[in-house]
Amino acid sequence: MSVDRKLLEILCCPVTKIPVEPLPRERLEALNALIQEGQAHYQDGTPVTEPVREALITENGERIYLVDDGIPVMLEERALTARGLGWI
């Protein structure tokens, strides 16, 4: 189940207020590879342990928010950072 388009139009990062967009497939695959290797952690330091089916990324590419059953988890402590993933 993917994020509703109308919801996606109004969502933004709760920290930076930058709009979000779906994480591209190639980036999603790269994220899942990092998760499998134990190298992906949420902002609060907790490791991400389950593969991701869908995620949102800020338009500037700095923060990633996971989507759980079509519901974006827009919590600061549950964000992943591109810097923390080694993407920037």
C-alpha atoms as a PDB file:
ATOM      1  CA  MET A   1       0.000   0.000   0.000  1.00  0.00           C
ATOM      2  CA  SER A   2       1.535   3.306  -1.019  1.00  0.00           C
ATOM      3  CA  VAL A   3       1.115   6.776   0.434  1.00  0.00           C
ATOM      4  CA  ASP A   4      -1.960   8.613  -0.794  1.00  0.00           C
ATOM      5  CA  ARG A   5      -1.017  11.252  -3.396  1.00  0.00           C
ATOM      6  CA  LYS A   6      -3.058  14.001  -1.702  1.00  0.00           C
ATOM      7  CA  LEU A   7      -1.350  13.286   1.611  1.00  0.00           C
ATOM      8  CA  LEU A   8       2.036  13.313  -0.090  1.00  0.00           C
ATOM      9  CA  GLU A   9       1.341  16.807  -1.444  1.00  0.00           C
ATOM     10  CA  ILE A  10       1.042  18.248   2.081  1.00  0.00           C
ATOM     11  CA  LEU A  11       3.649  16.212   3.972  1.00  0.00           C
ATOM     12  CA  CYS A  12       6.931  17.782   4.970  1.00  0.00           C
ATOM     13  CA  CYS A  13       9.802  16.966   7.293  1.00  0.00           C
ATOM     14  CA  PRO A  14       8.766  17.850  10.865  1.00  0.00           C
ATOM     15  CA  VAL A  15      12.276  19.170  11.578  1.00  0.00           C
ATOM     16  CA  THR A  16      13.252  21.114   8.452  1.00  0.00           C
ATOM     17  CA  LYS A  17       9.763  21.684   6.967  1.00  0.00           C
ATOM     18  CA  ILE A  18      11.124  20.591   3.579  1.00  0.00           C
ATOM     19  CA  PRO A  19       8.584  18.672   1.435  1.00  0.00           C
ATOM     20  CA  VAL A  20       9.066  14.933   0.976  1.00  0.00           C
ATOM     21  CA  GLU A  21       8.782  12.668  -2.039  1.00  0.00           C
ATOM     22  CA  PRO A  22       8.893   8.901  -2.554  1.00  0.00           C
ATOM     23  CA  LEU A  23      12.344   7.358  -2.204  1.00  0.00           C
ATOM     24  CA  PRO A  24      13.376   6.135  -5.692  1.00  0.00           C
ATOM     25  CA  ARG A  25      13.554   2.375  -6.211  1.00  0.00           C
ATOM     26  CA  GLU A  26      17.359   2.280  -6.584  1.00  0.00           C
ATOM     27  CA  ARG A  27      17.792   4.179  -3.325  1.00  0.00           C
ATOM     28  CA  LEU A  28      15.289   1.866  -1.619  1.00  0.00           C
ATOM     29  CA  GLU A  29      17.336  -1.125  -2.754  1.00  0.00           C
ATOM     30  CA  ALA A  30      20.526   0.527  -1.466  1.00  0.00           C
ATOM     31  CA  LEU A  31      18.819   1.258   1.865  1.00  0.00           C
ATOM     32  CA  ASN A  32      17.708  -2.366   2.206  1.00  0.00           C
ATOM     33  CA  ALA A  33      21.264  -3.537   1.497  1.00  0.00           C
ATOM     34  CA  LEU A  34      22.527  -1.306   4.335  1.00  0.00           C
ATOM     35  CA  ILE A  35      19.805  -2.646   6.628  1.00  0.00           C
ATOM     36  CA  GLN A  36      20.802  -6.208   5.818  1.00  0.00           C
ATOM     37  CA  GLU A  37      24.438  -5.354   6.632  1.00  0.00           C
ATOM     38  CA  GLY A  38      23.408  -3.757   9.956  1.00  0.00           C
ATOM     39  CA  GLN A  39      24.559  -0.301   8.859  1.00  0.00           C
ATOM     40  CA  ALA A  40      21.254   1.614   8.964  1.00  0.00           C
ATOM     41  CA  HIS A  41      20.182   3.361  12.169  1.00  0.00           C
ATOM     42  CA  TYR A  42      17.361   5.686  13.117  1.00  0.00           C
ATOM     43  CA  GLN A  43      18.173   9.154  14.487  1.00  0.00           C
ATOM     44  CA  ASP A  44      17.833   7.787  18.027  1.00  0.00           C
ATOM     45  CA  GLY A  45      20.556   5.195  17.334  1.00  0.00           C
ATOM     46  CA  THR A  46      18.245   2.190  17.133  1.00  0.00           C
ATOM     47  CA  PRO A  47      19.199  -0.122  14.244  1.00  0.00           C
ATOM     48  CA  VAL A  48      16.721  -0.621  11.436  1.00  0.00           C
ATOM     49  CA  THR A  49      16.111  -4.367  11.364  1.00  0.00           C
ATOM     50  CA  GLU A  50      13.293  -4.950   8.876  1.00  0.00           C
ATOM     51  CA  PRO A  51      13.470  -4.454   5.093  1.00  0.00           C
ATOM     52  CA  VAL A  52      11.717  -1.323   3.837  1.00  0.00           C
ATOM     53  CA  ARG A  53       9.023  -1.474   1.170  1.00  0.00           C
ATOM     54  CA  GLU A  54       8.431   2.245   0.930  1.00  0.00           C
ATOM     55  CA  ALA A  55      10.028   5.426   2.251  1.00  0.00           C
ATOM     56  CA  LEU A  56       9.909   9.172   1.779  1.00  0.00           C
ATOM     57  CA  ILE A  57      12.907  11.449   1.386  1.00  0.00           C
ATOM     58  CA  THR A  58      13.119  15.195   1.766  1.00  0.00           C
ATOM     59  CA  GLU A  59      13.503  17.097  -1.482  1.00  0.00           C
ATOM     60  CA  ASN A  60      17.041  18.065  -0.457  1.00  0.00           C
ATOM     61  CA  GLY A  61      17.887  14.372   0.043  1.00  0.00           C
ATOM     62  CA  GLU A  62      18.949  14.673   3.684  1.00  0.00           C
ATOM     63  CA  ARG A  63      16.251  12.860   5.702  1.00  0.00           C
ATOM     64  CA  ILE A  64      14.391   9.625   5.080  1.00  0.00           C
ATOM     65  CA  TYR A  65      11.123   8.613   6.702  1.00  0.00           C
ATOM     66  CA  LEU A  66       9.850   5.051   6.490  1.00  0.00           C
ATOM     67  CA  VAL A  67       6.293   4.204   5.490  1.00  0.00           C
ATOM     68  CA  ASP A  68       4.490   1.481   7.425  1.00  0.00           C
ATOM     69  CA  ASP A  69       1.444  -0.019   5.668  1.00  0.00           C
ATOM     70  CA  GLY A  70       0.884   3.189   3.697  1.00  0.00           C
ATOM     71  CA  ILE A  71       1.314   5.411   6.773  1.00  0.00           C
ATOM     72  CA  PRO A  72       4.369   7.696   6.856  1.00  0.00           C
ATOM     73  CA  VAL A  73       6.216   7.587  10.180  1.00  0.00           C
ATOM     74  CA  MET A  74       7.096  11.266  10.416  1.00  0.00           C
ATOM     75  CA  LEU A  75       8.839  11.235  13.792  1.00  0.00           C
ATOM     76  CA  GLU A  76      12.212  12.957  14.160  1.00  0.00           C
ATOM     77  CA  GLU A  77      13.719  10.104  16.185  1.00  0.00           C
ATOM     78  CA  ARG A  78      12.595   7.576  13.540  1.00  0.00           C
ATOM     79  CA  ALA A  79      14.157   9.422  10.625  1.00  0.00           C
ATOM     80  CA  LEU A  80      17.273   8.190   8.894  1.00  0.00           C
ATOM     81  CA  THR A  81      19.811  10.666   7.589  1.00  0.00           C
ATOM     82  CA  ALA A  82      21.580  10.452   4.266  1.00  0.00           C
ATOM     83  CA  ARG A  83      24.789  11.385   6.094  1.00  0.00           C
ATOM     84  CA  GLY A  84      24.289   8.515   8.549  1.00  0.00           C
ATOM     85  CA  LEU A  85      23.847   6.149   5.603  1.00  0.00           C
ATOM     86  CA  GLY A  86      26.979   7.470   3.902  1.00  0.00           C
ATOM     87  CA  TRP A  87      24.974   8.910   1.002  1.00  0.00           C
ATOM     88  CA  ILE A  88      26.361  12.449   1.394  1.00  0.00           C
END
